[in-house]
Amino acid sequence: MFGIGGGELIFIIIVALMLFGTDKIPEVARTIAKVVAQLKNASNDLKSEIQKSADEHGINDTVKQITSNFTDEVDKVKNSVIENHGDEISNLDKDNEISKPIDELKQNLDDVIGPIKRQL
């Protein structure tokens, strides 16, 4: 939780008790929770406004078009390489020495890009 360990959490609780006392801790916790909820609502509103503006200006369509063009070009290059050097590649990669690291890299890239694609 935010990179805070058990000892640090206990220290924070002790300091909070010393500063506010046992009577005010629930009130302070409620106030903090309200502030966090308001910040979350504000960020969600901002996010929806940005999304609405992007939809109005056609930015999402442009990004989808660029992504599809890029994917098409990658597929063309891949097919060209397979057509011209397919036998050499299959002989090279009999033990998955090449494709295994590539698959791992592809999975890592998908993990990073996945949330971006879901938003589009």
PDB file of N, CA and C in Angstrom:
ATOM      1  N   MET A   1       0.846  -1.183   0.000  1.00  0.00           N
ATOM      2  CA  MET A   1       0.000   0.000   0.000  1.00  0.00           C
ATOM      3  C   MET A   1       0.882   1.233   0.000  1.00  0.00           C
ATOM      4  N   PHE A   2       1.049   1.869  -1.142  1.00  0.00           N
ATOM      5  CA  PHE A   2       1.842   3.082  -1.317  1.00  0.00           C
ATOM      6  C   PHE A   2       3.299   2.905  -0.885  1.00  0.00           C
ATOM      7  N   GLY A   3       3.802   1.696  -0.844  1.00  0.00           N
ATOM      8  CA  GLY A   3       5.176   1.449  -0.456  1.00  0.00           C
ATOM      9  C   GLY A   3       5.433   1.649   1.028  1.00  0.00           C
ATOM     10  N   ILE A   4       4.389   1.549   1.844  1.00  0.00           N
ATOM     11  CA  ILE A   4       4.538   1.726   3.288  1.00  0.00           C
ATOM     12  C   ILE A   4       4.567   0.353   3.935  1.00  0.00           C
ATOM     13  N   GLY A   5       5.600   0.100   4.721  1.00  0.00           N
ATOM     14  CA  GLY A   5       5.719  -1.168   5.425  1.00  0.00           C
ATOM     15  C   GLY A   5       4.954  -1.172   6.734  1.00  0.00           C
ATOM     16  N   GLY A   6       4.977  -2.315   7.398  1.00  0.00           N
ATOM     17  CA  GLY A   6       4.244  -2.457   8.654  1.00  0.00           C
ATOM     18  C   GLY A   6       4.748  -1.530   9.747  1.00  0.00           C
ATOM     19  N   GLY A   7       6.071  -1.446   9.904  1.00  0.00           N
ATOM     20  CA  GLY A   7       6.646  -0.578  10.930  1.00  0.00           C
ATOM     21  C   GLY A   7       6.336   0.885  10.675  1.00  0.00           C
ATOM     22  N   GLU A   8       6.394   1.281   9.408  1.00  0.00           N
ATOM     23  CA  GLU A   8       6.099   2.671   9.072  1.00  0.00           C
ATOM     24  C   GLU A   8       4.634   3.000   9.342  1.00  0.00           C
ATOM     25  N   LEU A   9       3.754   2.041   9.054  1.00  0.00           N
ATOM     26  CA  LEU A   9       2.330   2.251   9.293  1.00  0.00           C
ATOM     27  C   LEU A   9       2.044   2.415  10.790  1.00  0.00           C
ATOM     28  N   ILE A  10       2.668   1.596  11.611  1.00  0.00           N
ATOM     29  CA  ILE A  10       2.499   1.703  13.074  1.00  0.00           C
ATOM     30  C   ILE A  10       3.013   3.057  13.560  1.00  0.00           C
ATOM     31  N   PHE A  11       4.150   3.494  13.015  1.00  0.00           N
ATOM     32  CA  PHE A  11       4.703   4.799  13.395  1.00  0.00           C
ATOM     33  C   PHE A  11       3.740   5.928  13.032  1.00  0.00           C
ATOM     34  N   ILE A  12       3.144   5.853  11.851  1.00  0.00           N
ATOM     35  CA  ILE A  12       2.192   6.884  11.412  1.00  0.00           C
ATOM     36  C   ILE A  12       0.970   6.899  12.332  1.00  0.00           C
ATOM     37  N   ILE A  13       0.488   5.721  12.714  1.00  0.00           N
ATOM     38  CA  ILE A  13      -0.673   5.644  13.615  1.00  0.00           C
ATOM     39  C   ILE A  13      -0.344   6.259  14.970  1.00  0.00           C
ATOM     40  N   ILE A  14       0.840   5.976  15.495  1.00  0.00           N
ATOM     41  CA  ILE A  14       1.244   6.530  16.798  1.00  0.00           C
ATOM     42  C   ILE A  14       1.330   8.056  16.721  1.00  0.00           C
ATOM     43  N   VAL A  15       1.926   8.567  15.643  1.00  0.00           N
ATOM     44  CA  VAL A  15       2.045  10.023  15.487  1.00  0.00           C
ATOM     45  C   VAL A  15       0.655  10.645  15.369  1.00  0.00           C
ATOM     46  N   ALA A  16      -0.246   9.996  14.604  1.00  0.00           N
ATOM     47  CA  ALA A  16      -1.606  10.525  14.458  1.00  0.00           C
ATOM     48  C   ALA A  16      -2.328  10.548  15.804  1.00  0.00           C
ATOM     49  N   LEU A  17      -2.162   9.499  16.595  1.00  0.00           N
ATOM     50  CA  LEU A  17      -2.787   9.470  17.922  1.00  0.00           C
ATOM     51  C   LEU A  17      -2.246  10.575  18.811  1.00  0.00           C
ATOM     52  N   MET A  18      -0.934  10.828  18.730  1.00  0.00           N
ATOM     53  CA  MET A  18      -0.335  11.870  19.553  1.00  0.00           C
ATOM     54  C   MET A  18      -0.806  13.263  19.112  1.00  0.00           C
ATOM     55  N   LEU A  19      -0.952  13.459  17.802  1.00  0.00           N
ATOM     56  CA  LEU A  19      -1.355  14.767  17.300  1.00  0.00           C
ATOM     57  C   LEU A  19      -2.832  15.067  17.543  1.00  0.00           C
ATOM     58  N   PHE A  20      -3.700  14.105  17.235  1.00  0.00           N
ATOM     59  CA  PHE A  20      -5.130  14.368  17.253  1.00  0.00           C
ATOM     60  C   PHE A  20      -5.848  13.792  18.464  1.00  0.00           C
ATOM     61  N   GLY A  21      -5.291  12.800  19.079  1.00  0.00           N
ATOM     62  CA  GLY A  21      -5.969  12.153  20.202  1.00  0.00           C
ATOM     63  C   GLY A  21      -6.991  11.146  19.704  1.00  0.00           C
ATOM     64  N   THR A  22      -7.432  10.285  20.599  1.00  0.00           N
ATOM     65  CA  THR A  22      -8.342   9.223  20.198  1.00  0.00           C
ATOM     66  C   THR A  22      -9.735   9.739  19.848  1.00  0.00           C
ATOM     67  N   ASP A  23     -10.110  10.910  20.344  1.00  0.00           N
ATOM     68  CA  ASP A  23     -11.440  11.449  20.072  1.00  0.00           C
ATOM     69  C   ASP A  23     -11.578  11.961  18.632  1.00  0.00           C
ATOM     70  N   LYS A  24     -10.519  12.550  18.097  1.00  0.00           N
ATOM     71  CA  LYS A  24     -10.608  13.209  16.792  1.00  0.00           C
ATOM     72  C   LYS A  24     -10.218  12.306  15.622  1.00  0.00           C
ATOM     73  N   ILE A  25      -9.629  11.144  15.881  1.00  0.00           N
ATOM     74  CA  ILE A  25      -9.175  10.264  14.793  1.00  0.00           C
ATOM     75  C   ILE A  25     -10.325   9.866  13.861  1.00  0.00           C
ATOM     76  N   PRO A  26     -11.495   9.426  14.356  1.00  0.00           N
ATOM     77  CA  PRO A  26     -12.577   9.082  13.417  1.00  0.00           C
ATOM     78  C   PRO A  26     -13.029  10.266  12.562  1.00  0.00           C
ATOM     79  N   GLU A  27     -13.067  11.444  13.168  1.00  0.00           N
ATOM     80  CA  GLU A  27     -13.468  12.641  12.425  1.00  0.00           C
ATOM     81  C   GLU A  27     -12.454  12.967  11.333  1.00  0.00           C
ATOM     82  N   VAL A  28     -11.172  12.855  11.665  1.00  0.00           N
ATOM     83  CA  VAL A  28     -10.112  13.115  10.688  1.00  0.00           C
ATOM     84  C   VAL A  28     -10.177  12.084   9.563  1.00  0.00           C
ATOM     85  N   ALA A  29     -10.409  10.811   9.900  1.00  0.00           N
ATOM     86  CA  ALA A  29     -10.502   9.768   8.888  1.00  0.00           C
ATOM     87  C   ALA A  29     -11.668  10.020   7.943  1.00  0.00           C
ATOM     88  N   ARG A  30     -12.813  10.437   8.482  1.00  0.00           N
ATOM     89  CA  ARG A  30     -13.966  10.745   7.638  1.00  0.00           C
ATOM     90  C   ARG A  30     -13.668  11.910   6.702  1.00  0.00           C
ATOM     91  N   THR A  31     -13.013  12.938   7.221  1.00  0.00           N
ATOM     92  CA  THR A  31     -12.668  14.101   6.411  1.00  0.00           C
ATOM     93  C   THR A  31     -11.726  13.708   5.272  1.00  0.00           C
ATOM     94  N   ILE A  32     -10.736  12.902   5.588  1.00  0.00           N
ATOM     95  CA  ILE A  32      -9.792  12.440   4.557  1.00  0.00           C
ATOM     96  C   ILE A  32     -10.522  11.612   3.509  1.00  0.00           C
ATOM     97  N   ALA A  33     -11.434  10.742   3.958  1.00  0.00           N
ATOM     98  CA  ALA A  33     -12.194   9.914   3.008  1.00  0.00           C
ATOM     99  C   ALA A  33     -13.048  10.783   2.090  1.00  0.00           C
ATOM    100  N   LYS A  34     -13.663  11.847   2.635  1.00  0.00           N
ATOM    101  CA  LYS A  34     -14.468  12.746   1.807  1.00  0.00           C
ATOM    102  C   LYS A  34     -13.605  13.453   0.768  1.00  0.00           C
ATOM    103  N   VAL A  35     -12.427  13.913   1.181  1.00  0.00           N
ATOM    104  CA  VAL A  35     -11.525  14.602   0.260  1.00  0.00           C
ATOM    105  C   VAL A  35     -11.090  13.654  -0.859  1.00  0.00           C
ATOM    106  N   VAL A  36     -10.745  12.421  -0.499  1.00  0.00           N
ATOM    107  CA  VAL A  36     -10.318  11.443  -1.508  1.00  0.00           C
ATOM    108  C   VAL A  36     -11.468  11.156  -2.468  1.00  0.00           C
ATOM    109  N   ALA A  37     -12.685  11.020  -1.968  1.00  0.00           N
ATOM    110  CA  ALA A  37     -13.846  10.775  -2.825  1.00  0.00           C
ATOM    111  C   ALA A  37     -14.086  11.952  -3.771  1.00  0.00           C
ATOM    112  N   GLN A  38     -13.933  13.184  -3.272  1.00  0.00           N
ATOM    113  CA  GLN A  38     -14.117  14.350  -4.130  1.00  0.00           C
ATOM    114  C   GLN A  38     -13.044  14.411  -5.215  1.00  0.00           C
ATOM    115  N   LEU A  39     -11.812  14.082  -4.856  1.00  0.00           N
ATOM    116  CA  LEU A  39     -10.735  14.054  -5.848  1.00  0.00           C
ATOM    117  C   LEU A  39     -11.002  12.995  -6.918  1.00  0.00           C
ATOM    118  N   LYS A  40     -11.485  11.847  -6.494  1.00  0.00           N
ATOM    119  CA  LYS A  40     -11.791  10.771  -7.438  1.00  0.00           C
ATOM    120  C   LYS A  40     -12.909  11.202  -8.382  1.00  0.00           C
ATOM    121  N   ASN A  41     -13.969  11.816  -7.849  1.00  0.00           N
ATOM    122  CA  ASN A  41     -15.060  12.290  -8.690  1.00  0.00           C
ATOM    123  C   ASN A  41     -14.581  13.362  -9.666  1.00  0.00           C
ATOM    124  N   ALA A  42     -13.741  14.259  -9.187  1.00  0.00           N
ATOM    125  CA  ALA A  42     -13.225  15.312 -10.062  1.00  0.00           C
ATOM    126  C   ALA A  42     -12.371  14.723 -11.178  1.00  0.00           C
ATOM    127  N   SER A  43     -11.541  13.748 -10.863  1.00  0.00           N
ATOM    128  CA  SER A  43     -10.708  13.141 -11.900  1.00  0.00           C
ATOM    129  C   SER A  43     -11.559  12.363 -12.896  1.00  0.00           C
ATOM    130  N   ASN A  44     -12.625  11.703 -12.430  1.00  0.00           N
ATOM    131  CA  ASN A  44     -13.520  11.002 -13.354  1.00  0.00           C
ATOM    132  C   ASN A  44     -14.251  11.983 -14.262  1.00  0.00           C
ATOM    133  N   ASP A  45     -14.673  13.119 -13.716  1.00  0.00           N
ATOM    134  CA  ASP A  45     -15.324  14.142 -14.532  1.00  0.00           C
ATOM    135  C   ASP A  45     -14.366  14.694 -15.585  1.00  0.00           C
ATOM    136  N   LEU A  46     -13.136  14.943 -15.176  1.00  0.00           N
ATOM    137  CA  LEU A  46     -12.138  15.454 -16.104  1.00  0.00           C
ATOM    138  C   LEU A  46     -11.863  14.438 -17.211  1.00  0.00           C
ATOM    139  N   LYS A  47     -11.755  13.178 -16.827  1.00  0.00           N
ATOM    140  CA  LYS A  47     -11.507  12.128 -17.801  1.00  0.00           C
ATOM    141  C   LYS A  47     -12.657  12.024 -18.802  1.00  0.00           C
ATOM    142  N   SER A  48     -13.888  12.118 -18.317  1.00  0.00           N
ATOM    143  CA  SER A  48     -15.038  12.031 -19.224  1.00  0.00           C
ATOM    144  C   SER A  48     -15.101  13.246 -20.151  1.00  0.00           C
ATOM    145  N   GLU A  49     -14.732  14.417 -19.657  1.00  0.00           N
ATOM    146  CA  GLU A  49     -14.711  15.613 -20.504  1.00  0.00           C
ATOM    147  C   GLU A  49     -13.655  15.493 -21.600  1.00  0.00           C
ATOM    148  N   ILE A  50     -12.503  14.976 -21.249  1.00  0.00           N
ATOM    149  CA  ILE A  50     -11.442  14.781 -22.242  1.00  0.00           C
ATOM    150  C   ILE A  50     -11.895  13.778 -23.291  1.00  0.00           C
ATOM    151  N   GLN A  51     -12.515  12.685 -22.851  1.00  0.00           N
ATOM    152  CA  GLN A  51     -13.003  11.670 -23.777  1.00  0.00           C
ATOM    153  C   GLN A  51     -14.075  12.250 -24.698  1.00  0.00           C
ATOM    154  N   LYS A  52     -14.984  13.050 -24.130  1.00  0.00           N
ATOM    155  CA  LYS A  52     -16.043  13.672 -24.932  1.00  0.00           C
ATOM    156  C   LYS A  52     -15.443  14.622 -25.965  1.00  0.00           C
ATOM    157  N   SER A  53     -14.465  15.398 -25.561  1.00  0.00           N
ATOM    158  CA  SER A  53     -13.810  16.323 -26.480  1.00  0.00           C
ATOM    159  C   SER A  53     -13.076  15.565 -27.587  1.00  0.00           C
ATOM    160  N   ALA A  54     -12.423  14.469 -27.228  1.00  0.00           N
ATOM    161  CA  ALA A  54     -11.721  13.652 -28.226  1.00  0.00           C
ATOM    162  C   ALA A  54     -12.713  13.057 -29.218  1.00  0.00           C
ATOM    163  N   ASP A  55     -13.872  12.633 -28.738  1.00  0.00           N
ATOM    164  CA  ASP A  55     -14.903  12.085 -29.621  1.00  0.00           C
ATOM    165  C   ASP A  55     -15.434  13.156 -30.568  1.00  0.00           C
ATOM    166  N   GLU A  56     -15.645  14.366 -30.052  1.00  0.00           N
ATOM    167  CA  GLU A  56     -16.166  15.451 -30.877  1.00  0.00           C
ATOM    168  C   GLU A  56     -15.193  15.852 -31.987  1.00  0.00           C
ATOM    169  N   HIS A  57     -13.907  15.819 -31.685  1.00  0.00           N
ATOM    170  CA  HIS A  57     -12.906  16.245 -32.659  1.00  0.00           C
ATOM    171  C   HIS A  57     -12.391  15.090 -33.517  1.00  0.00           C
ATOM    172  N   GLY A  58     -12.898  13.886 -33.307  1.00  0.00           N
ATOM    173  CA  GLY A  58     -12.507  12.747 -34.132  1.00  0.00           C
ATOM    174  C   GLY A  58     -11.120  12.214 -33.851  1.00  0.00           C
ATOM    175  N   ILE A  59     -10.595  12.508 -32.688  1.00  0.00           N
ATOM    176  CA  ILE A  59      -9.244  12.049 -32.356  1.00  0.00           C
ATOM    177  C   ILE A  59      -9.211  10.530 -32.216  1.00  0.00           C
ATOM    178  N   ASN A  60     -10.242   9.951 -31.635  1.00  0.00           N
ATOM    179  CA  ASN A  60     -10.264   8.496 -31.462  1.00  0.00           C
ATOM    180  C   ASN A  60     -10.243   7.788 -32.808  1.00  0.00           C
ATOM    181  N   ASP A  61     -11.015   8.318 -33.777  1.00  0.00           N
ATOM    182  CA  ASP A  61     -11.028   7.711 -35.106  1.00  0.00           C
ATOM    183  C   ASP A  61      -9.655   7.811 -35.765  1.00  0.00           C
ATOM    184  N   THR A  62      -8.998   8.952 -35.588  1.00  0.00           N
ATOM    185  CA  THR A  62      -7.678   9.142 -36.165  1.00  0.00           C
ATOM    186  C   THR A  62      -6.676   8.167 -35.560  1.00  0.00           C
ATOM    187  N   VAL A  63      -6.726   7.993 -34.255  1.00  0.00           N
ATOM    188  CA  VAL A  63      -5.810   7.062 -33.584  1.00  0.00           C
ATOM    189  C   VAL A  63      -6.073   5.634 -34.050  1.00  0.00           C
ATOM    190  N   LYS A  64      -7.354   5.267 -34.170  1.00  0.00           N
ATOM    191  CA  LYS A  64      -7.682   3.923 -34.659  1.00  0.00           C
ATOM    192  C   LYS A  64      -7.189   3.724 -36.085  1.00  0.00           C
ATOM    193  N   GLN A  65      -7.323   4.745 -36.909  1.00  0.00           N
ATOM    194  CA  GLN A  65      -6.866   4.651 -38.288  1.00  0.00           C
ATOM    195  C   GLN A  65      -5.347   4.503 -38.347  1.00  0.00           C
ATOM    196  N   ILE A  66      -4.637   5.288 -37.565  1.00  0.00           N
ATOM    197  CA  ILE A  66      -3.173   5.201 -37.540  1.00  0.00           C
ATOM    198  C   ILE A  66      -2.749   3.826 -37.048  1.00  0.00           C
ATOM    199  N   THR A  67      -3.407   3.328 -36.012  1.00  0.00           N
ATOM    200  CA  THR A  67      -3.079   2.017 -35.476  1.00  0.00           C
ATOM    201  C   THR A  67      -3.317   0.928 -36.502  1.00  0.00           C
ATOM    202  N   SER A  68      -4.438   0.997 -37.213  1.00  0.00           N
ATOM    203  CA  SER A  68      -4.724  -0.029 -38.217  1.00  0.00           C
ATOM    204  C   SER A  68      -3.737   0.063 -39.379  1.00  0.00           C
ATOM    205  N   ASN A  69      -3.367   1.291 -39.794  1.00  0.00           N
ATOM    206  CA  ASN A  69      -2.365   1.441 -40.855  1.00  0.00           C
ATOM    207  C   ASN A  69      -1.031   0.860 -40.429  1.00  0.00           C
ATOM    208  N   PHE A  70      -0.641   1.125 -39.215  1.00  0.00           N
ATOM    209  CA  PHE A  70       0.616   0.595 -38.694  1.00  0.00           C
ATOM    210  C   PHE A  70       0.575  -0.930 -38.662  1.00  0.00           C
ATOM    211  N   THR A  71      -0.531  -1.495 -38.198  1.00  0.00           N
ATOM    212  CA  THR A  71      -0.677  -2.950 -38.143  1.00  0.00           C
ATOM    213  C   THR A  71      -0.623  -3.551 -39.539  1.00  0.00           C
ATOM    214  N   ASP A  72      -1.266  -2.898 -40.505  1.00  0.00           N
ATOM    215  CA  ASP A  72      -1.230  -3.384 -41.888  1.00  0.00           C
ATOM    216  C   ASP A  72       0.188  -3.397 -42.435  1.00  0.00           C
ATOM    217  N   GLU A  73       0.947  -2.334 -42.177  1.00  0.00           N
ATOM    218  CA  GLU A  73       2.325  -2.263 -42.663  1.00  0.00           C
ATOM    219  C   GLU A  73       3.199  -3.335 -42.015  1.00  0.00           C
ATOM    220  N   VAL A  74       3.009  -3.554 -40.721  1.00  0.00           N
ATOM    221  CA  VAL A  74       3.776  -4.597 -40.032  1.00  0.00           C
ATOM    222  C   VAL A  74       3.453  -5.965 -40.629  1.00  0.00           C
ATOM    223  N   ASP A  75       2.183  -6.211 -40.911  1.00  0.00           N
ATOM    224  CA  ASP A  75       1.785  -7.484 -41.515  1.00  0.00           C
ATOM    225  C   ASP A  75       2.390  -7.658 -42.899  1.00  0.00           C
ATOM    226  N   LYS A  76       2.436  -6.574 -43.684  1.00  0.00           N
ATOM    227  CA  LYS A  76       3.045  -6.641 -45.019  1.00  0.00           C
ATOM    228  C   LYS A  76       4.520  -7.003 -44.932  1.00  0.00           C
ATOM    229  N   VAL A  77       5.233  -6.361 -44.012  1.00  0.00           N
ATOM    230  CA  VAL A  77       6.658  -6.645 -43.845  1.00  0.00           C
ATOM    231  C   VAL A  77       6.856  -8.073 -43.376  1.00  0.00           C
ATOM    232  N   LYS A  78       6.040  -8.508 -42.453  1.00  0.00           N
ATOM    233  CA  LYS A  78       6.147  -9.877 -41.934  1.00  0.00           C
ATOM    234  C   LYS A  78       5.904 -10.891 -43.047  1.00  0.00           C
ATOM    235  N   ASN A  79       4.867 -10.679 -43.833  1.00  0.00           N
ATOM    236  CA  ASN A  79       4.574 -11.599 -44.932  1.00  0.00           C
ATOM    237  C   ASN A  79       5.676 -11.596 -45.980  1.00  0.00           C
ATOM    238  N   SER A  80       6.228 -10.421 -46.242  1.00  0.00           N
ATOM    239  CA  SER A  80       7.328 -10.326 -47.202  1.00  0.00           C
ATOM    240  C   SER A  80       8.556 -11.097 -46.722  1.00  0.00           C
ATOM    241  N   VAL A  81       8.874 -10.959 -45.452  1.00  0.00           N
ATOM    242  CA  VAL A  81      10.024 -11.678 -44.897  1.00  0.00           C
ATOM    243  C   VAL A  81       9.777 -13.181 -44.943  1.00  0.00           C
ATOM    244  N   ILE A  82       8.563 -13.593 -44.614  1.00  0.00           N
ATOM    245  CA  ILE A  82       8.247 -15.022 -44.628  1.00  0.00           C
ATOM    246  C   ILE A  82       8.317 -15.567 -46.050  1.00  0.00           C
ATOM    247  N   GLU A  83       7.801 -14.805 -47.031  1.00  0.00           N
ATOM    248  CA  GLU A  83       7.844 -15.258 -48.418  1.00  0.00           C
ATOM    249  C   GLU A  83       9.272 -15.380 -48.927  1.00  0.00           C
ATOM    250  N   ASN A  84      10.111 -14.397 -48.592  1.00  0.00           N
ATOM    251  CA  ASN A  84      11.475 -14.370 -49.132  1.00  0.00           C
ATOM    252  C   ASN A  84      12.448 -15.239 -48.349  1.00  0.00           C
ATOM    253  N   HIS A  85      12.249 -15.379 -47.051  1.00  0.00           N
ATOM    254  CA  HIS A  85      13.230 -16.074 -46.214  1.00  0.00           C
ATOM    255  C   HIS A  85      12.590 -17.095 -45.291  1.00  0.00           C
ATOM    256  N   GLY A  86      11.431 -17.611 -45.635  1.00  0.00           N
ATOM    257  CA  GLY A  86      10.699 -18.531 -44.765  1.00  0.00           C
ATOM    258  C   GLY A  86      11.471 -19.782 -44.422  1.00  0.00           C
ATOM    259  N   ASP A  87      12.138 -20.379 -45.415  1.00  0.00           N
ATOM    260  CA  ASP A  87      12.893 -21.616 -45.169  1.00  0.00           C
ATOM    261  C   ASP A  87      14.070 -21.371 -44.233  1.00  0.00           C
ATOM    262  N   GLU A  88      14.757 -20.252 -44.448  1.00  0.00           N
ATOM    263  CA  GLU A  88      15.902 -19.927 -43.594  1.00  0.00           C
ATOM    264  C   GLU A  88      15.456 -19.699 -42.147  1.00  0.00           C
ATOM    265  N   ILE A  89      14.326 -19.045 -41.982  1.00  0.00           N
ATOM    266  CA  ILE A  89      13.825 -18.760 -40.639  1.00  0.00           C
ATOM    267  C   ILE A  89      13.420 -20.046 -39.937  1.00  0.00           C
ATOM    268  N   SER A  90      12.730 -20.931 -40.654  1.00  0.00           N
ATOM    269  CA  SER A  90      12.298 -22.180 -40.013  1.00  0.00           C
ATOM    270  C   SER A  90      13.486 -23.053 -39.645  1.00  0.00           C
ATOM    271  N   ASN A  91      14.538 -23.041 -40.461  1.00  0.00           N
ATOM    272  CA  ASN A  91      15.745 -23.809 -40.124  1.00  0.00           C
ATOM    273  C   ASN A  91      16.484 -23.192 -38.943  1.00  0.00           C
ATOM    274  N   LEU A  92      16.471 -21.878 -38.877  1.00  0.00           N
ATOM    275  CA  LEU A  92      17.156 -21.178 -37.792  1.00  0.00           C
ATOM    276  C   LEU A  92      16.501 -21.433 -36.447  1.00  0.00           C
ATOM    277  N   ASP A  93      15.202 -21.510 -36.437  1.00  0.00           N
ATOM    278  CA  ASP A  93      14.453 -21.517 -35.178  1.00  0.00           C
ATOM    279  C   ASP A  93      13.882 -22.888 -34.842  1.00  0.00           C
ATOM    280  N   LYS A  94      14.641 -23.910 -35.046  1.00  0.00           N
ATOM    281  CA  LYS A  94      14.154 -25.254 -34.718  1.00  0.00           C
ATOM    282  C   LYS A  94      13.968 -25.453 -33.220  1.00  0.00           C
ATOM    283  N   ASP A  95      14.816 -24.856 -32.413  1.00  0.00           N
ATOM    284  CA  ASP A  95      14.758 -25.033 -30.960  1.00  0.00           C
ATOM    285  C   ASP A  95      14.078 -23.862 -30.257  1.00  0.00           C
ATOM    286  N   ASN A  96      13.351 -23.039 -30.985  1.00  0.00           N
ATOM    287  CA  ASN A  96      12.665 -21.868 -30.430  1.00  0.00           C
ATOM    288  C   ASN A  96      13.624 -20.885 -29.756  1.00  0.00           C
ATOM    289  N   GLU A  97      14.846 -20.839 -30.239  1.00  0.00           N
ATOM    290  CA  GLU A  97      15.813 -19.914 -29.652  1.00  0.00           C
ATOM    291  C   GLU A  97      15.486 -18.465 -29.996  1.00  0.00           C
ATOM    292  N   ILE A  98      14.865 -18.272 -31.127  1.00  0.00           N
ATOM    293  CA  ILE A  98      14.535 -16.915 -31.546  1.00  0.00           C
ATOM    294  C   ILE A  98      13.109 -16.560 -31.146  1.00  0.00           C
ATOM    295  N   SER A  99      12.171 -17.471 -31.385  1.00  0.00           N
ATOM    296  CA  SER A  99      10.768 -17.119 -31.179  1.00  0.00           C
ATOM    297  C   SER A  99      10.392 -17.003 -29.710  1.00  0.00           C
ATOM    298  N   LYS A 100      11.069 -17.719 -28.833  1.00  0.00           N
ATOM    299  CA  LYS A 100      10.724 -17.638 -27.411  1.00  0.00           C
ATOM    300  C   LYS A 100      10.957 -16.233 -26.848  1.00  0.00           C
ATOM    301  N   PRO A 101      12.147 -15.633 -27.037  1.00  0.00           N
ATOM    302  CA  PRO A 101      12.319 -14.249 -26.544  1.00  0.00           C
ATOM    303  C   PRO A 101      11.386 -13.256 -27.234  1.00  0.00           C
ATOM    304  N   ILE A 102      11.101 -13.493 -28.509  1.00  0.00           N
ATOM    305  CA  ILE A 102      10.197 -12.596 -29.225  1.00  0.00           C
ATOM    306  C   ILE A 102       8.793 -12.702 -28.644  1.00  0.00           C
ATOM    307  N   ASP A 103       8.346 -13.920 -28.342  1.00  0.00           N
ATOM    308  CA  ASP A 103       7.028 -14.101 -27.739  1.00  0.00           C
ATOM    309  C   ASP A 103       6.950 -13.441 -26.364  1.00  0.00           C
ATOM    310  N   GLU A 104       8.020 -13.550 -25.592  1.00  0.00           N
ATOM    311  CA  GLU A 104       8.052 -12.898 -24.277  1.00  0.00           C
ATOM    312  C   GLU A 104       7.988 -11.382 -24.427  1.00  0.00           C
ATOM    313  N   LEU A 105       8.740 -10.852 -25.395  1.00  0.00           N
ATOM    314  CA  LEU A 105       8.722  -9.415 -25.647  1.00  0.00           C
ATOM    315  C   LEU A 105       7.341  -8.965 -26.109  1.00  0.00           C
ATOM    316  N   LYS A 106       6.719  -9.770 -26.973  1.00  0.00           N
ATOM    317  CA  LYS A 106       5.374  -9.450 -27.446  1.00  0.00           C
ATOM    318  C   LYS A 106       4.389  -9.433 -26.283  1.00  0.00           C
ATOM    319  N   GLN A 107       4.496 -10.399 -25.370  1.00  0.00           N
ATOM    320  CA  GLN A 107       3.600 -10.447 -24.218  1.00  0.00           C
ATOM    321  C   GLN A 107       3.799  -9.220 -23.326  1.00  0.00           C
ATOM    322  N   ASN A 108       5.061  -8.838 -23.099  1.00  0.00           N
ATOM    323  CA  ASN A 108       5.343  -7.649 -22.291  1.00  0.00           C
ATOM    324  C   ASN A 108       4.774  -6.393 -22.951  1.00  0.00           C
ATOM    325  N   LEU A 109       4.909  -6.303 -24.272  1.00  0.00           N
ATOM    326  CA  LEU A 109       4.379  -5.154 -24.993  1.00  0.00           C
ATOM    327  C   LEU A 109       2.857  -5.135 -24.925  1.00  0.00           C
ATOM    328  N   ASP A 110       2.228  -6.285 -25.048  1.00  0.00           N
ATOM    329  CA  ASP A 110       0.769  -6.359 -24.930  1.00  0.00           C
ATOM    330  C   ASP A 110       0.312  -5.963 -23.532  1.00  0.00           C
ATOM    331  N   ASP A 111       1.080  -6.332 -22.506  1.00  0.00           N
ATOM    332  CA  ASP A 111       0.726  -5.949 -21.140  1.00  0.00           C
ATOM    333  C   ASP A 111       0.753  -4.434 -20.966  1.00  0.00           C
ATOM    334  N   VAL A 112       1.698  -3.775 -21.641  1.00  0.00           N
ATOM    335  CA  VAL A 112       1.815  -2.322 -21.525  1.00  0.00           C
ATOM    336  C   VAL A 112       0.746  -1.622 -22.370  1.00  0.00           C
ATOM    337  N   ILE A 113       0.526  -2.114 -23.586  1.00  0.00           N
ATOM    338  CA  ILE A 113      -0.378  -1.443 -24.516  1.00  0.00           C
ATOM    339  C   ILE A 113      -1.834  -1.800 -24.250  1.00  0.00           C
ATOM    340  N   GLY A 114      -2.103  -2.921 -23.582  1.00  0.00           N
ATOM    341  CA  GLY A 114      -3.467  -3.381 -23.349  1.00  0.00           C
ATOM    342  C   GLY A 114      -4.385  -2.326 -22.756  1.00  0.00           C
ATOM    343  N   PRO A 115      -3.984  -1.654 -21.662  1.00  0.00           N
ATOM    344  CA  PRO A 115      -4.863  -0.629 -21.094  1.00  0.00           C
ATOM    345  C   PRO A 115      -5.122   0.532 -22.058  1.00  0.00           C
ATOM    346  N   ILE A 116      -4.156   0.856 -22.890  1.00  0.00           N
ATOM    347  CA  ILE A 116      -4.337   1.951 -23.848  1.00  0.00           C
ATOM    348  C   ILE A 116      -5.365   1.545 -24.895  1.00  0.00           C
ATOM    349  N   LYS A 117      -5.272   0.310 -25.390  1.00  0.00           N
ATOM    350  CA  LYS A 117      -6.221  -0.166 -26.396  1.00  0.00           C
ATOM    351  C   LYS A 117      -7.637  -0.232 -25.821  1.00  0.00           C
ATOM    352  N   ARG A 118      -7.761  -0.633 -24.559  1.00  0.00           N
ATOM    353  CA  ARG A 118      -9.087  -0.727 -23.962  1.00  0.00           C
ATOM    354  C   ARG A 118      -9.759   0.622 -23.869  1.00  0.00           C
ATOM    355  N   GLN A 119      -8.993   1.691 -23.663  1.00  0.00           N
ATOM    356  CA  GLN A 119      -9.563   3.018 -23.565  1.00  0.00           C
ATOM    357  C   GLN A 119     -10.045   3.532 -24.912  1.00  0.00           C
ATOM    358  N   LEU A 120      -9.423   3.031 -25.982  1.00  0.00           N
ATOM    359  CA  LEU A 120      -9.828   3.484 -27.326  1.00  0.00           C
ATOM    360  C   LEU A 120     -11.038   2.696 -27.729  1.00  0.00           C
TER     361      LEU A 120
END
